[in-house]
Amino acid sequence: MRWNKKWMALTIASALAAGSLAGCGGKGETNESGEEITELTWYQVGDSQNDDQTVLDKVN
Protein backbone atom coordinates (compact mmCIF):
# COMPACT_ATOMS: atom_id res chain seq x y z
CA MET A 1 0.00 0.00 0.00
CA ARG A 2 2.82 2.40 0.85
CA TRP A 3 4.46 1.93 -2.56
CA ASN A 4 1.25 2.97 -4.32
CA LYS A 5 1.09 6.28 -2.42
CA LYS A 6 4.70 7.08 -3.26
CA TRP A 7 4.16 6.20 -6.91
CA MET A 8 1.04 8.35 -7.09
CA ALA A 9 2.81 11.29 -5.41
CA LEU A 10 5.73 11.02 -7.82
CA THR A 11 3.39 10.86 -10.82
CA ILE A 12 1.43 13.92 -9.69
CA ALA A 13 4.61 15.88 -8.95
CA SER A 14 6.00 15.01 -12.39
CA ALA A 15 2.79 16.06 -14.10
CA LEU A 16 2.75 19.39 -12.25
CA ALA A 17 6.39 20.05 -13.10
CA ALA A 18 5.85 19.25 -16.77
CA GLY A 19 2.74 21.42 -16.88
CA SER A 20 4.46 24.39 -15.31
CA LEU A 21 7.34 24.20 -17.80
CA ALA A 22 5.07 23.83 -20.84
CA GLY A 23 4.53 27.59 -21.08
CA CYS A 24 8.23 28.43 -21.07
CA GLY A 25 10.25 29.04 -24.18
CA GLY A 26 9.25 29.92 -27.70
CA LYS A 27 9.56 33.50 -28.83
CA GLY A 28 6.29 35.28 -29.53
CA GLU A 29 5.35 37.49 -32.46
CA THR A 30 7.63 40.47 -33.10
CA ASN A 31 7.25 43.79 -34.91
CA GLU A 32 9.56 45.34 -37.53
CA SER A 33 12.11 46.52 -34.93
CA GLY A 34 12.34 43.07 -33.31
CA GLU A 35 10.35 43.95 -30.19
CA GLU A 36 7.95 41.31 -28.91
CA ILE A 37 4.25 42.11 -29.35
CA THR A 38 2.04 41.57 -26.32
CA GLU A 39 -1.68 41.07 -26.88
CA LEU A 40 -3.96 41.86 -23.96
CA THR A 41 -7.52 40.60 -23.52
CA TRP A 42 -9.88 42.87 -21.66
CA TYR A 43 -13.12 41.66 -20.07
CA GLN A 44 -15.57 44.25 -18.83
CA VAL A 45 -18.39 43.36 -16.48
CA GLY A 46 -21.68 45.13 -17.08
CA ASP A 47 -22.71 47.59 -19.76
CA SER A 48 -20.27 49.79 -21.61
CA GLN A 49 -19.63 53.28 -20.25
CA ASN A 50 -20.15 56.56 -22.10
CA ASP A 51 -16.43 57.24 -22.55
CA ASP A 52 -15.23 53.74 -23.50
CA GLN A 53 -13.90 54.80 -26.90
CA THR A 54 -11.97 57.74 -25.37
CA VAL A 55 -10.35 55.42 -22.86
CA LEU A 56 -9.47 52.84 -25.53
CA ASP A 57 -7.98 55.54 -27.77
CA LYS A 58 -5.70 56.72 -24.93
CA VAL A 59 -4.72 53.14 -24.04
CA ASN A 60 -3.86 52.29 -27.63
PDB file of N, CA and C in Angstrom:
ATOM      1  N   MET A   1       0.821  -1.195   0.000  1.00  0.00           N
ATOM      2  CA  MET A   1       0.000   0.000   0.000  1.00  0.00           C
ATOM      3  C   MET A   1       0.868   1.264   0.000  1.00  0.00           C
ATOM      4  N   ARG A   2       1.960   1.228   0.754  1.00  0.00           N
ATOM      5  CA  ARG A   2       2.816   2.399   0.852  1.00  0.00           C
ATOM      6  C   ARG A   2       3.475   2.716  -0.490  1.00  0.00           C
ATOM      7  N   TRP A   3       3.840   1.726  -1.260  1.00  0.00           N
ATOM      8  CA  TRP A   3       4.464   1.935  -2.559  1.00  0.00           C
ATOM      9  C   TRP A   3       3.507   2.653  -3.503  1.00  0.00           C
ATOM     10  N   ASN A   4       2.225   2.330  -3.448  1.00  0.00           N
ATOM     11  CA  ASN A   4       1.245   2.970  -4.325  1.00  0.00           C
ATOM     12  C   ASN A   4       1.124   4.463  -4.040  1.00  0.00           C
ATOM     13  N   LYS A   5       1.177   4.866  -2.774  1.00  0.00           N
ATOM     14  CA  LYS A   5       1.090   6.283  -2.416  1.00  0.00           C
ATOM     15  C   LYS A   5       2.314   7.043  -2.909  1.00  0.00           C
ATOM     16  N   LYS A   6       3.488   6.431  -2.773  1.00  0.00           N
ATOM     17  CA  LYS A   6       4.703   7.080  -3.256  1.00  0.00           C
ATOM     18  C   LYS A   6       4.679   7.210  -4.777  1.00  0.00           C
ATOM     19  N   TRP A   7       4.226   6.173  -5.459  1.00  0.00           N
ATOM     20  CA  TRP A   7       4.163   6.199  -6.915  1.00  0.00           C
ATOM     21  C   TRP A   7       3.183   7.272  -7.385  1.00  0.00           C
ATOM     22  N   MET A   8       2.036   7.356  -6.717  1.00  0.00           N
ATOM     23  CA  MET A   8       1.039   8.351  -7.093  1.00  0.00           C
ATOM     24  C   MET A   8       1.562   9.764  -6.844  1.00  0.00           C
ATOM     25  N   ALA A   9       2.247   9.982  -5.723  1.00  0.00           N
ATOM     26  CA  ALA A   9       2.809  11.293  -5.414  1.00  0.00           C
ATOM     27  C   ALA A   9       3.874  11.684  -6.436  1.00  0.00           C
ATOM     28  N   LEU A  10       4.703  10.756  -6.816  1.00  0.00           N
ATOM     29  CA  LEU A  10       5.728  11.020  -7.817  1.00  0.00           C
ATOM     30  C   LEU A  10       5.104  11.348  -9.175  1.00  0.00           C
ATOM     31  N   THR A  11       4.072  10.623  -9.544  1.00  0.00           N
ATOM     32  CA  THR A  11       3.394  10.860 -10.819  1.00  0.00           C
ATOM     33  C   THR A  11       2.752  12.243 -10.844  1.00  0.00           C
ATOM     34  N   ILE A  12       2.078  12.608  -9.758  1.00  0.00           N
ATOM     35  CA  ILE A  12       1.433  13.917  -9.685  1.00  0.00           C
ATOM     36  C   ILE A  12       2.473  15.039  -9.706  1.00  0.00           C
ATOM     37  N   ALA A  13       3.556  14.873  -8.966  1.00  0.00           N
ATOM     38  CA  ALA A  13       4.611  15.882  -8.951  1.00  0.00           C
ATOM     39  C   ALA A  13       5.244  16.041 -10.330  1.00  0.00           C
ATOM     40  N   SER A  14       5.435  14.948 -11.040  1.00  0.00           N
ATOM     41  CA  SER A  14       6.004  15.011 -12.390  1.00  0.00           C
ATOM     42  C   SER A  14       5.060  15.719 -13.348  1.00  0.00           C
ATOM     43  N   ALA A  15       3.775  15.421 -13.235  1.00  0.00           N
ATOM     44  CA  ALA A  15       2.787  16.059 -14.105  1.00  0.00           C
ATOM     45  C   ALA A  15       2.718  17.564 -13.841  1.00  0.00           C
ATOM     46  N   LEU A  16       2.765  17.965 -12.580  1.00  0.00           N
ATOM     47  CA  LEU A  16       2.754  19.389 -12.246  1.00  0.00           C
ATOM     48  C   LEU A  16       4.003  20.095 -12.756  1.00  0.00           C
ATOM     49  N   ALA A  17       5.145  19.452 -12.621  1.00  0.00           N
ATOM     50  CA  ALA A  17       6.393  20.051 -13.103  1.00  0.00           C
ATOM     51  C   ALA A  17       6.378  20.199 -14.616  1.00  0.00           C
ATOM     52  N   ALA A  18       5.911  19.180 -15.307  1.00  0.00           N
ATOM     53  CA  ALA A  18       5.850  19.250 -16.773  1.00  0.00           C
ATOM     54  C   ALA A  18       4.851  20.310 -17.216  1.00  0.00           C
ATOM     55  N   GLY A  19       3.739  20.419 -16.534  1.00  0.00           N
ATOM     56  CA  GLY A  19       2.737  21.416 -16.880  1.00  0.00           C
ATOM     57  C   GLY A  19       3.216  22.835 -16.646  1.00  0.00           C
ATOM     58  N   SER A  20       3.975  23.045 -15.590  1.00  0.00           N
ATOM     59  CA  SER A  20       4.459  24.393 -15.306  1.00  0.00           C
ATOM     60  C   SER A  20       5.549  24.812 -16.292  1.00  0.00           C
ATOM     61  N   LEU A  21       6.281  23.870 -16.834  1.00  0.00           N
ATOM     62  CA  LEU A  21       7.335  24.195 -17.799  1.00  0.00           C
ATOM     63  C   LEU A  21       6.821  24.274 -19.236  1.00  0.00           C
ATOM     64  N   ALA A  22       5.594  23.850 -19.475  1.00  0.00           N
ATOM     65  CA  ALA A  22       5.066  23.826 -20.840  1.00  0.00           C
ATOM     66  C   ALA A  22       4.924  25.223 -21.421  1.00  0.00           C
ATOM     67  N   GLY A  23       4.695  26.230 -20.589  1.00  0.00           N
ATOM     68  CA  GLY A  23       4.532  27.593 -21.076  1.00  0.00           C
ATOM     69  C   GLY A  23       5.833  28.317 -21.318  1.00  0.00           C
ATOM     70  N   CYS A  24       6.934  27.769 -20.915  1.00  0.00           N
ATOM     71  CA  CYS A  24       8.227  28.429 -21.068  1.00  0.00           C
ATOM     72  C   CYS A  24       8.772  28.220 -22.483  1.00  0.00           C
ATOM     73  N   GLY A  25       9.573  29.176 -22.895  1.00  0.00           N
ATOM     74  CA  GLY A  25      10.252  29.045 -24.178  1.00  0.00           C
ATOM     75  C   GLY A  25       9.419  29.555 -25.325  1.00  0.00           C
ATOM     76  N   GLY A  26       9.953  29.467 -26.503  1.00  0.00           N
ATOM     77  CA  GLY A  26       9.253  29.917 -27.698  1.00  0.00           C
ATOM     78  C   GLY A  26       9.091  31.420 -27.722  1.00  0.00           C
ATOM     79  N   LYS A  27       9.664  32.052 -28.716  1.00  0.00           N
ATOM     80  CA  LYS A  27       9.556  33.500 -28.826  1.00  0.00           C
ATOM     81  C   LYS A  27       8.239  33.837 -29.501  1.00  0.00           C
ATOM     82  N   GLY A  28       7.578  34.855 -28.991  1.00  0.00           N
ATOM     83  CA  GLY A  28       6.292  35.283 -29.528  1.00  0.00           C
ATOM     84  C   GLY A  28       6.444  36.083 -30.814  1.00  0.00           C
ATOM     85  N   GLU A  29       5.370  36.686 -31.237  1.00  0.00           N
ATOM     86  CA  GLU A  29       5.348  37.487 -32.459  1.00  0.00           C
ATOM     87  C   GLU A  29       6.116  38.788 -32.225  1.00  0.00           C
ATOM     88  N   THR A  30       6.856  39.242 -33.231  1.00  0.00           N
ATOM     89  CA  THR A  30       7.633  40.469 -33.097  1.00  0.00           C
ATOM     90  C   THR A  30       7.228  41.467 -34.180  1.00  0.00           C
ATOM     91  N   ASN A  31       7.517  42.744 -33.931  1.00  0.00           N
ATOM     92  CA  ASN A  31       7.249  43.786 -34.914  1.00  0.00           C
ATOM     93  C   ASN A  31       8.487  44.020 -35.773  1.00  0.00           C
ATOM     94  N   GLU A  32       8.458  45.083 -36.587  1.00  0.00           N
ATOM     95  CA  GLU A  32       9.565  45.344 -37.531  1.00  0.00           C
ATOM     96  C   GLU A  32      10.900  45.592 -36.830  1.00  0.00           C
ATOM     97  N   SER A  33      10.859  46.196 -35.639  1.00  0.00           N
ATOM     98  CA  SER A  33      12.107  46.515 -34.934  1.00  0.00           C
ATOM     99  C   SER A  33      12.587  45.376 -34.040  1.00  0.00           C
ATOM    100  N   GLY A  34      11.903  44.226 -34.077  1.00  0.00           N
ATOM    101  CA  GLY A  34      12.335  43.069 -33.306  1.00  0.00           C
ATOM    102  C   GLY A  34      11.782  43.006 -31.903  1.00  0.00           C
ATOM    103  N   GLU A  35      10.934  43.971 -31.523  1.00  0.00           N
ATOM    104  CA  GLU A  35      10.348  43.951 -30.188  1.00  0.00           C
ATOM    105  C   GLU A  35       9.175  42.980 -30.158  1.00  0.00           C
ATOM    106  N   GLU A  36       9.032  42.279 -29.042  1.00  0.00           N
ATOM    107  CA  GLU A  36       7.949  41.306 -28.913  1.00  0.00           C
ATOM    108  C   GLU A  36       6.615  42.017 -28.726  1.00  0.00           C
ATOM    109  N   ILE A  37       5.594  41.536 -29.428  1.00  0.00           N
ATOM    110  CA  ILE A  37       4.254  42.111 -29.352  1.00  0.00           C
ATOM    111  C   ILE A  37       3.473  41.378 -28.275  1.00  0.00           C
ATOM    112  N   THR A  38       2.859  42.143 -27.387  1.00  0.00           N
ATOM    113  CA  THR A  38       2.036  41.570 -26.323  1.00  0.00           C
ATOM    114  C   THR A  38       0.581  41.889 -26.598  1.00  0.00           C
ATOM    115  N   GLU A  39      -0.256  40.867 -26.640  1.00  0.00           N
ATOM    116  CA  GLU A  39      -1.681  41.067 -26.880  1.00  0.00           C
ATOM    117  C   GLU A  39      -2.423  40.889 -25.559  1.00  0.00           C
ATOM    118  N   LEU A  40      -3.203  41.893 -25.203  1.00  0.00           N
ATOM    119  CA  LEU A  40      -3.959  41.856 -23.962  1.00  0.00           C
ATOM    120  C   LEU A  40      -5.429  41.612 -24.269  1.00  0.00           C
ATOM    121  N   THR A  41      -6.088  40.831 -23.412  1.00  0.00           N
ATOM    122  CA  THR A  41      -7.519  40.602 -23.523  1.00  0.00           C
ATOM    123  C   THR A  41      -8.188  41.294 -22.363  1.00  0.00           C
ATOM    124  N   TRP A  42      -9.222  42.065 -22.669  1.00  0.00           N
ATOM    125  CA  TRP A  42      -9.883  42.866 -21.663  1.00  0.00           C
ATOM    126  C   TRP A  42     -11.324  42.416 -21.547  1.00  0.00           C
ATOM    127  N   TYR A  43     -11.733  42.025 -20.350  1.00  0.00           N
ATOM    128  CA  TYR A  43     -13.116  41.662 -20.071  1.00  0.00           C
ATOM    129  C   TYR A  43     -13.727  42.754 -19.207  1.00  0.00           C
ATOM    130  N   GLN A  44     -14.901  43.206 -19.591  1.00  0.00           N
ATOM    131  CA  GLN A  44     -15.568  44.250 -18.828  1.00  0.00           C
ATOM    132  C   GLN A  44     -16.906  43.713 -18.349  1.00  0.00           C
ATOM    133  N   VAL A  45     -17.147  43.828 -17.059  1.00  0.00           N
ATOM    134  CA  VAL A  45     -18.393  43.355 -16.482  1.00  0.00           C
ATOM    135  C   VAL A  45     -19.425  44.473 -16.568  1.00  0.00           C
ATOM    136  N   GLY A  46     -20.615  44.138 -17.008  1.00  0.00           N
ATOM    137  CA  GLY A  46     -21.684  45.128 -17.078  1.00  0.00           C
ATOM    138  C   GLY A  46     -21.742  45.800 -18.442  1.00  0.00           C
ATOM    139  N   ASP A  47     -22.540  46.846 -18.512  1.00  0.00           N
ATOM    140  CA  ASP A  47     -22.714  47.592 -19.764  1.00  0.00           C
ATOM    141  C   ASP A  47     -21.522  48.488 -20.023  1.00  0.00           C
ATOM    142  N   SER A  48     -21.372  48.897 -21.282  1.00  0.00           N
ATOM    143  CA  SER A  48     -20.271  49.794 -21.606  1.00  0.00           C
ATOM    144  C   SER A  48     -20.571  51.192 -21.066  1.00  0.00           C
ATOM    145  N   GLN A  49     -19.512  51.929 -20.790  1.00  0.00           N
ATOM    146  CA  GLN A  49     -19.628  53.280 -20.251  1.00  0.00           C
ATOM    147  C   GLN A  49     -19.679  54.290 -21.393  1.00  0.00           C
ATOM    148  N   ASN A  50     -20.028  55.513 -21.079  1.00  0.00           N
ATOM    149  CA  ASN A  50     -20.155  56.556 -22.096  1.00  0.00           C
ATOM    150  C   ASN A  50     -18.824  56.902 -22.753  1.00  0.00           C
ATOM    151  N   ASP A  51     -17.728  56.831 -22.026  1.00  0.00           N
ATOM    152  CA  ASP A  51     -16.427  57.242 -22.552  1.00  0.00           C
ATOM    153  C   ASP A  51     -15.506  56.068 -22.874  1.00  0.00           C
ATOM    154  N   ASP A  52     -16.059  54.918 -23.186  1.00  0.00           N
ATOM    155  CA  ASP A  52     -15.234  53.743 -23.501  1.00  0.00           C
ATOM    156  C   ASP A  52     -14.269  54.006 -24.656  1.00  0.00           C
ATOM    157  N   GLN A  53     -14.757  54.588 -25.722  1.00  0.00           N
ATOM    158  CA  GLN A  53     -13.904  54.805 -26.897  1.00  0.00           C
ATOM    159  C   GLN A  53     -12.777  55.768 -26.577  1.00  0.00           C
ATOM    160  N   THR A  54     -13.026  56.784 -25.769  1.00  0.00           N
ATOM    161  CA  THR A  54     -11.972  57.737 -25.373  1.00  0.00           C
ATOM    162  C   THR A  54     -10.892  57.021 -24.573  1.00  0.00           C
ATOM    163  N   VAL A  55     -11.307  56.174 -23.661  1.00  0.00           N
ATOM    164  CA  VAL A  55     -10.350  55.417 -22.856  1.00  0.00           C
ATOM    165  C   VAL A  55      -9.525  54.492 -23.751  1.00  0.00           C
ATOM    166  N   LEU A  56     -10.180  53.752 -24.636  1.00  0.00           N
ATOM    167  CA  LEU A  56      -9.467  52.841 -25.527  1.00  0.00           C
ATOM    168  C   LEU A  56      -8.500  53.571 -26.444  1.00  0.00           C
ATOM    169  N   ASP A  57      -8.889  54.752 -26.921  1.00  0.00           N
ATOM    170  CA  ASP A  57      -7.983  55.536 -27.768  1.00  0.00           C
ATOM    171  C   ASP A  57      -6.724  55.933 -26.998  1.00  0.00           C
ATOM    172  N   LYS A  58      -6.881  56.330 -25.730  1.00  0.00           N
ATOM    173  CA  LYS A  58      -5.702  56.716 -24.932  1.00  0.00           C
ATOM    174  C   LYS A  58      -4.833  55.503 -24.614  1.00  0.00           C
ATOM    175  N   VAL A  59      -5.472  54.349 -24.334  1.00  0.00           N
ATOM    176  CA  VAL A  59      -4.723  53.139 -24.039  1.00  0.00           C
ATOM    177  C   VAL A  59      -3.918  52.682 -25.245  1.00  0.00           C
ATOM    178  N   ASN A  60      -4.536  52.731 -26.407  1.00  0.00           N
ATOM    179  CA  ASN A  60      -3.858  52.294 -27.629  1.00  0.00           C
ATOM    180  C   ASN A  60      -2.829  53.330 -28.053  1.00  0.00           C
TER     181      ASN A  60
END
